[in-house]
Amino acid sequence: GAALQLGLYLLNREVLRLPFPASTVLWYMLPITLGVAVGARLDEFPAWWRRRRWVLLPVLTLAFSLYLPEALAYARGERVTPIVYSGLSWVYTSLTALALLGLAFRVQRSASTVRLTVALLGTVSLQVYLIHPALLQALERWDAPDGTPWQVALTMLGYFLLALGIPALLGRALLHTRLSTWLFGR
């Protein structure tokens, strides 16, 4: 997957020159091939993850610590090296997907409130997915995060709770209604 991804990156840089390659499937070959590989042997994944998580989680932490400054520089409009930024993004997002799947299998085996909460959210995940971007955009226009790091962190936490809570509550309220079927297909 990584070799294919790098090859497609170079193909675009040297031949295709797509102006917005991240809007094409070519840009996501590493996560796609990883997903296909894991999906093909999903029943083996929990054991594979338990054996390798002690190596993969520190690598994920390292990837995040390298990716975050690049992503912030890119968001600020500063110059970044495209191959470095893209490579770190691919590694970080791929490892995050593996970690989240490993966590999902762990939560699935438990009888905790986390499992019940996640299951409950699963019934309205489409509604949350579809509604939350509009809420986040409205919140940014109303009061963009600014101030001390603590103020920004608290504002972001509030945004997270609102962007998750409002669509989840709306989705639950509309569940099994004609409006829900019309808007969300379920």
C-alpha atoms as a PDB file:
ATOM      1  CA  GLY A   1       0.000   0.000   0.000  1.00  0.00           C
ATOM      2  CA  ALA A   2       2.760   2.448   0.915  1.00  0.00           C
ATOM      3  CA  ALA A   3       4.718   1.672  -2.261  1.00  0.00           C
ATOM      4  CA  LEU A   4       1.568   2.029  -4.372  1.00  0.00           C
ATOM      5  CA  GLN A   5       0.744   5.323  -2.649  1.00  0.00           C
ATOM      6  CA  LEU A   6       4.232   6.708  -3.230  1.00  0.00           C
ATOM      7  CA  GLY A   7       4.125   5.577  -6.859  1.00  0.00           C
ATOM      8  CA  LEU A   8       0.810   7.325  -7.423  1.00  0.00           C
ATOM      9  CA  TYR A   9       2.151  10.460  -5.731  1.00  0.00           C
ATOM     10  CA  LEU A  10       5.134  10.491  -8.097  1.00  0.00           C
ATOM     11  CA  LEU A  11       2.901   9.707 -11.091  1.00  0.00           C
ATOM     12  CA  ASN A  12       0.771  12.716 -10.280  1.00  0.00           C
ATOM     13  CA  ARG A  13       3.760  14.967  -9.642  1.00  0.00           C
ATOM     14  CA  GLU A  14       5.584  14.019 -12.838  1.00  0.00           C
ATOM     15  CA  VAL A  15       2.854  13.088 -15.338  1.00  0.00           C
ATOM     16  CA  LEU A  16      -0.781  13.636 -14.361  1.00  0.00           C
ATOM     17  CA  ARG A  17      -0.362  16.950 -12.517  1.00  0.00           C
ATOM     18  CA  LEU A  18      -3.888  16.905 -11.132  1.00  0.00           C
ATOM     19  CA  PRO A  19      -4.530  20.306  -9.529  1.00  0.00           C
ATOM     20  CA  PHE A  20      -6.442  18.800  -6.579  1.00  0.00           C
ATOM     21  CA  PRO A  21      -5.160  15.235  -6.183  1.00  0.00           C
ATOM     22  CA  ALA A  22      -6.609  14.900  -2.679  1.00  0.00           C
ATOM     23  CA  SER A  23     -10.075  14.987  -4.246  1.00  0.00           C
ATOM     24  CA  THR A  24      -9.345  11.774  -6.158  1.00  0.00           C
ATOM     25  CA  VAL A  25      -9.212   8.159  -5.054  1.00  0.00           C
ATOM     26  CA  LEU A  26      -5.519   8.062  -6.047  1.00  0.00           C
ATOM     27  CA  TRP A  27      -4.652  10.043  -2.944  1.00  0.00           C
ATOM     28  CA  TYR A  28      -6.066   7.393  -0.616  1.00  0.00           C
ATOM     29  CA  MET A  29      -4.452   4.184  -1.897  1.00  0.00           C
ATOM     30  CA  LEU A  30      -2.578   3.491   1.345  1.00  0.00           C
ATOM     31  CA  PRO A  31      -5.704   3.641   3.540  1.00  0.00           C
ATOM     32  CA  ILE A  32      -7.732   1.772   0.905  1.00  0.00           C
ATOM     33  CA  THR A  33      -5.225  -1.071   0.553  1.00  0.00           C
ATOM     34  CA  LEU A  34      -4.871  -1.217   4.323  1.00  0.00           C
ATOM     35  CA  GLY A  35      -8.649  -1.403   4.677  1.00  0.00           C
ATOM     36  CA  VAL A  36      -8.898  -4.153   2.063  1.00  0.00           C
ATOM     37  CA  ALA A  37      -6.122  -6.132   3.742  1.00  0.00           C
ATOM     38  CA  VAL A  38      -7.700  -5.829   7.190  1.00  0.00           C
ATOM     39  CA  GLY A  39     -11.194  -6.481   5.853  1.00  0.00           C
ATOM     40  CA  ALA A  40     -10.071  -9.622   4.053  1.00  0.00           C
ATOM     41  CA  ARG A  41      -8.881 -11.080   7.367  1.00  0.00           C
ATOM     42  CA  LEU A  42     -11.095  -9.215   9.822  1.00  0.00           C
ATOM     43  CA  ASP A  43     -11.594 -12.248  12.040  1.00  0.00           C
ATOM     44  CA  GLU A  44      -7.813 -12.345  12.621  1.00  0.00           C
ATOM     45  CA  PHE A  45      -7.495  -8.617  13.299  1.00  0.00           C
ATOM     46  CA  PRO A  46      -8.175  -8.594  17.077  1.00  0.00           C
ATOM     47  CA  ALA A  47      -5.356 -11.056  17.780  1.00  0.00           C
ATOM     48  CA  TRP A  48      -3.062  -9.290  15.296  1.00  0.00           C
ATOM     49  CA  TRP A  49      -3.790  -5.951  16.966  1.00  0.00           C
ATOM     50  CA  ARG A  50      -3.197  -7.277  20.497  1.00  0.00           C
ATOM     51  CA  ARG A  51       0.246  -8.567  19.477  1.00  0.00           C
ATOM     52  CA  ARG A  52       1.320  -5.420  17.630  1.00  0.00           C
ATOM     53  CA  ARG A  53      -0.376  -2.546  19.474  1.00  0.00           C
ATOM     54  CA  TRP A  54       2.641  -2.002  21.741  1.00  0.00           C
ATOM     55  CA  VAL A  55       4.683  -1.114  18.652  1.00  0.00           C
ATOM     56  CA  LEU A  56       1.959   0.567  16.584  1.00  0.00           C
ATOM     57  CA  LEU A  57       0.662   2.926  19.278  1.00  0.00           C
ATOM     58  CA  PRO A  58       4.086   4.534  19.918  1.00  0.00           C
ATOM     59  CA  VAL A  59       4.577   4.799  16.134  1.00  0.00           C
ATOM     60  CA  LEU A  60       1.147   6.465  15.922  1.00  0.00           C
ATOM     61  CA  THR A  61       2.169   8.903  18.662  1.00  0.00           C
ATOM     62  CA  LEU A  62       5.389   9.683  16.797  1.00  0.00           C
ATOM     63  CA  ALA A  63       3.529  10.094  13.499  1.00  0.00           C
ATOM     64  CA  PHE A  64       1.069  12.471  15.162  1.00  0.00           C
ATOM     65  CA  SER A  65       3.856  14.504  16.762  1.00  0.00           C
ATOM     66  CA  LEU A  66       5.507  14.900  13.354  1.00  0.00           C
ATOM     67  CA  TYR A  67       2.274  15.467  11.431  1.00  0.00           C
ATOM     68  CA  LEU A  68       0.706  18.072  13.731  1.00  0.00           C
ATOM     69  CA  PRO A  69       3.298  20.844  13.128  1.00  0.00           C
ATOM     70  CA  GLU A  70       3.088  20.238   9.376  1.00  0.00           C
ATOM     71  CA  ALA A  71      -0.714  20.314   9.413  1.00  0.00           C
ATOM     72  CA  LEU A  72      -0.751  23.508  11.486  1.00  0.00           C
ATOM     73  CA  ALA A  73       1.767  25.140   9.158  1.00  0.00           C
ATOM     74  CA  TYR A  74      -0.371  24.159   6.167  1.00  0.00           C
ATOM     75  CA  ALA A  75      -3.525  25.482   7.862  1.00  0.00           C
ATOM     76  CA  ARG A  76      -1.748  28.800   8.541  1.00  0.00           C
ATOM     77  CA  GLY A  77      -0.844  29.088   4.859  1.00  0.00           C
ATOM     78  CA  GLU A  78       2.841  28.519   5.499  1.00  0.00           C
ATOM     79  CA  ARG A  79       4.985  26.631   3.030  1.00  0.00           C
ATOM     80  CA  VAL A  80       5.210  22.869   3.568  1.00  0.00           C
ATOM     81  CA  THR A  81       7.001  20.190   1.584  1.00  0.00           C
ATOM     82  CA  PRO A  82       4.220  18.312  -0.238  1.00  0.00           C
ATOM     83  CA  ILE A  83       5.727  14.819   0.021  1.00  0.00           C
ATOM     84  CA  VAL A  84       6.457  15.276   3.734  1.00  0.00           C
ATOM     85  CA  TYR A  85       3.002  16.645   4.502  1.00  0.00           C
ATOM     86  CA  SER A  86       1.226  13.978   2.432  1.00  0.00           C
ATOM     87  CA  GLY A  87       3.393  11.130   3.718  1.00  0.00           C
ATOM     88  CA  LEU A  88       2.840  12.081   7.342  1.00  0.00           C
ATOM     89  CA  SER A  89      -0.871  12.457   6.690  1.00  0.00           C
ATOM     90  CA  TRP A  90      -1.097   8.986   5.131  1.00  0.00           C
ATOM     91  CA  VAL A  91       0.863   7.337   7.939  1.00  0.00           C
ATOM     92  CA  TYR A  92      -0.994   9.156  10.718  1.00  0.00           C
ATOM     93  CA  THR A  93      -4.475   8.532   9.311  1.00  0.00           C
ATOM     94  CA  SER A  94      -3.755   4.884   8.488  1.00  0.00           C
ATOM     95  CA  LEU A  95      -2.390   4.157  11.955  1.00  0.00           C
ATOM     96  CA  THR A  96      -5.299   6.040  13.522  1.00  0.00           C
ATOM     97  CA  ALA A  97      -7.748   3.862  11.588  1.00  0.00           C
ATOM     98  CA  LEU A  98      -5.998   0.716  12.864  1.00  0.00           C
ATOM     99  CA  ALA A  99      -6.017   2.029  16.432  1.00  0.00           C
ATOM    100  CA  LEU A 100      -9.706   2.925  16.251  1.00  0.00           C
ATOM    101  CA  LEU A 101     -10.553  -0.519  14.900  1.00  0.00           C
ATOM    102  CA  GLY A 102      -8.513  -2.103  17.682  1.00  0.00           C
ATOM    103  CA  LEU A 103     -10.355   0.046  20.216  1.00  0.00           C
ATOM    104  CA  ALA A 104     -13.702  -0.883  18.659  1.00  0.00           C
ATOM    105  CA  PHE A 105     -12.980  -4.583  19.079  1.00  0.00           C
ATOM    106  CA  ARG A 106     -11.931  -4.005  22.670  1.00  0.00           C
ATOM    107  CA  VAL A 107     -15.061  -1.975  23.472  1.00  0.00           C
ATOM    108  CA  GLN A 108     -17.215  -4.590  21.743  1.00  0.00           C
ATOM    109  CA  ARG A 109     -15.974  -7.279  24.141  1.00  0.00           C
ATOM    110  CA  SER A 110     -16.793  -5.198  27.220  1.00  0.00           C
ATOM    111  CA  ALA A 111     -20.121  -4.624  28.951  1.00  0.00           C
ATOM    112  CA  SER A 112     -19.281  -1.038  29.811  1.00  0.00           C
ATOM    113  CA  THR A 113     -21.281   2.146  29.501  1.00  0.00           C
ATOM    114  CA  VAL A 114     -18.850   3.146  26.748  1.00  0.00           C
ATOM    115  CA  ARG A 115     -20.089   0.206  24.674  1.00  0.00           C
ATOM    116  CA  LEU A 116     -23.713   1.134  25.284  1.00  0.00           C
ATOM    117  CA  THR A 117     -23.055   4.797  24.461  1.00  0.00           C
ATOM    118  CA  VAL A 118     -21.245   3.917  21.248  1.00  0.00           C
ATOM    119  CA  ALA A 119     -24.054   1.523  20.281  1.00  0.00           C
ATOM    120  CA  LEU A 120     -26.602   4.251  20.943  1.00  0.00           C
ATOM    121  CA  LEU A 121     -24.625   6.748  18.883  1.00  0.00           C
ATOM    122  CA  GLY A 122     -24.391   4.146  16.130  1.00  0.00           C
ATOM    123  CA  THR A 123     -28.142   4.361  15.648  1.00  0.00           C
ATOM    124  CA  VAL A 124     -27.789   8.046  14.702  1.00  0.00           C
ATOM    125  CA  SER A 125     -24.275   8.139  13.245  1.00  0.00           C
ATOM    126  CA  LEU A 126     -25.502   9.095   9.784  1.00  0.00           C
ATOM    127  CA  GLN A 127     -27.487  11.989  11.208  1.00  0.00           C
ATOM    128  CA  VAL A 128     -24.457  13.183  13.191  1.00  0.00           C
ATOM    129  CA  TYR A 129     -22.252  12.831  10.108  1.00  0.00           C
ATOM    130  CA  LEU A 130     -24.622  14.830   7.926  1.00  0.00           C
ATOM    131  CA  ILE A 131     -25.611  17.575  10.372  1.00  0.00           C
ATOM    132  CA  HIS A 132     -22.435  18.348  12.337  1.00  0.00           C
ATOM    133  CA  PRO A 133     -20.509  20.245   9.602  1.00  0.00           C
ATOM    134  CA  ALA A 134     -23.243  22.874   9.368  1.00  0.00           C
ATOM    135  CA  LEU A 135     -23.230  23.290  13.143  1.00  0.00           C
ATOM    136  CA  LEU A 136     -19.453  23.658  13.250  1.00  0.00           C
ATOM    137  CA  GLN A 137     -19.526  26.287  10.507  1.00  0.00           C
ATOM    138  CA  ALA A 138     -22.235  28.213  12.328  1.00  0.00           C
ATOM    139  CA  LEU A 139     -20.283  28.040  15.596  1.00  0.00           C
ATOM    140  CA  GLU A 140     -17.098  29.263  13.904  1.00  0.00           C
ATOM    141  CA  ARG A 141     -18.907  32.317  12.532  1.00  0.00           C
ATOM    142  CA  TRP A 142     -20.536  33.013  15.866  1.00  0.00           C
ATOM    143  CA  ASP A 143     -17.420  32.660  18.025  1.00  0.00           C
ATOM    144  CA  ALA A 144     -14.240  31.291  16.480  1.00  0.00           C
ATOM    145  CA  PRO A 145     -11.869  29.706  19.000  1.00  0.00           C
ATOM    146  CA  ASP A 146      -9.459  32.363  20.246  1.00  0.00           C
ATOM    147  CA  GLY A 147      -7.623  33.319  23.408  1.00  0.00           C
ATOM    148  CA  THR A 148      -5.433  31.346  25.769  1.00  0.00           C
ATOM    149  CA  PRO A 149      -4.810  27.659  25.084  1.00  0.00           C
ATOM    150  CA  TRP A 150      -7.249  26.773  27.891  1.00  0.00           C
ATOM    151  CA  GLN A 151      -9.954  28.985  26.416  1.00  0.00           C
ATOM    152  CA  VAL A 152      -9.424  27.450  22.983  1.00  0.00           C
ATOM    153  CA  ALA A 153      -9.494  23.938  24.480  1.00  0.00           C
ATOM    154  CA  LEU A 154     -12.721  24.636  26.377  1.00  0.00           C
ATOM    155  CA  THR A 155     -14.306  26.229  23.311  1.00  0.00           C
ATOM    156  CA  MET A 156     -13.313  23.231  21.205  1.00  0.00           C
ATOM    157  CA  LEU A 157     -14.724  20.858  23.815  1.00  0.00           C
ATOM    158  CA  GLY A 158     -17.979  22.803  23.774  1.00  0.00           C
ATOM    159  CA  TYR A 159     -18.055  22.698  19.971  1.00  0.00           C
ATOM    160  CA  PHE A 160     -17.460  18.946  20.071  1.00  0.00           C
ATOM    161  CA  LEU A 161     -20.284  18.374  22.537  1.00  0.00           C
ATOM    162  CA  LEU A 162     -22.677  20.573  20.561  1.00  0.00           C
ATOM    163  CA  ALA A 163     -21.685  19.079  17.193  1.00  0.00           C
ATOM    164  CA  LEU A 164     -22.228  15.583  18.557  1.00  0.00           C
ATOM    165  CA  GLY A 165     -25.111  16.193  20.936  1.00  0.00           C
ATOM    166  CA  ILE A 166     -27.498  18.268  18.828  1.00  0.00           C
ATOM    167  CA  PRO A 167     -27.431  15.963  15.774  1.00  0.00           C
ATOM    168  CA  ALA A 168     -27.630  12.868  18.003  1.00  0.00           C
ATOM    169  CA  LEU A 169     -30.627  14.209  19.897  1.00  0.00           C
ATOM    170  CA  LEU A 170     -32.292  15.339  16.680  1.00  0.00           C
ATOM    171  CA  GLY A 171     -31.600  11.960  15.077  1.00  0.00           C
ATOM    172  CA  ARG A 172     -33.056  10.097  18.079  1.00  0.00           C
ATOM    173  CA  ALA A 173     -36.117  12.352  18.128  1.00  0.00           C
ATOM    174  CA  LEU A 174     -36.763  11.731  14.425  1.00  0.00           C
ATOM    175  CA  LEU A 175     -35.994   7.994  14.524  1.00  0.00           C
ATOM    176  CA  HIS A 176     -38.796   5.874  13.013  1.00  0.00           C
ATOM    177  CA  THR A 177     -40.574   8.901  11.531  1.00  0.00           C
ATOM    178  CA  ARG A 178     -41.316   9.628   7.891  1.00  0.00           C
ATOM    179  CA  LEU A 179     -39.205  12.772   8.082  1.00  0.00           C
ATOM    180  CA  SER A 180     -36.217  10.706   9.204  1.00  0.00           C
ATOM    181  CA  THR A 181     -36.725   8.304   6.305  1.00  0.00           C
ATOM    182  CA  TRP A 182     -37.035  11.187   3.886  1.00  0.00           C
ATOM    183  CA  LEU A 183     -33.985  13.089   5.201  1.00  0.00           C
ATOM    184  CA  PHE A 184     -31.663  10.239   6.153  1.00  0.00           C
ATOM    185  CA  GLY A 185     -33.017   7.164   4.397  1.00  0.00           C
ATOM    186  CA  ARG A 186     -33.808   5.454   7.691  1.00  0.00           C
END
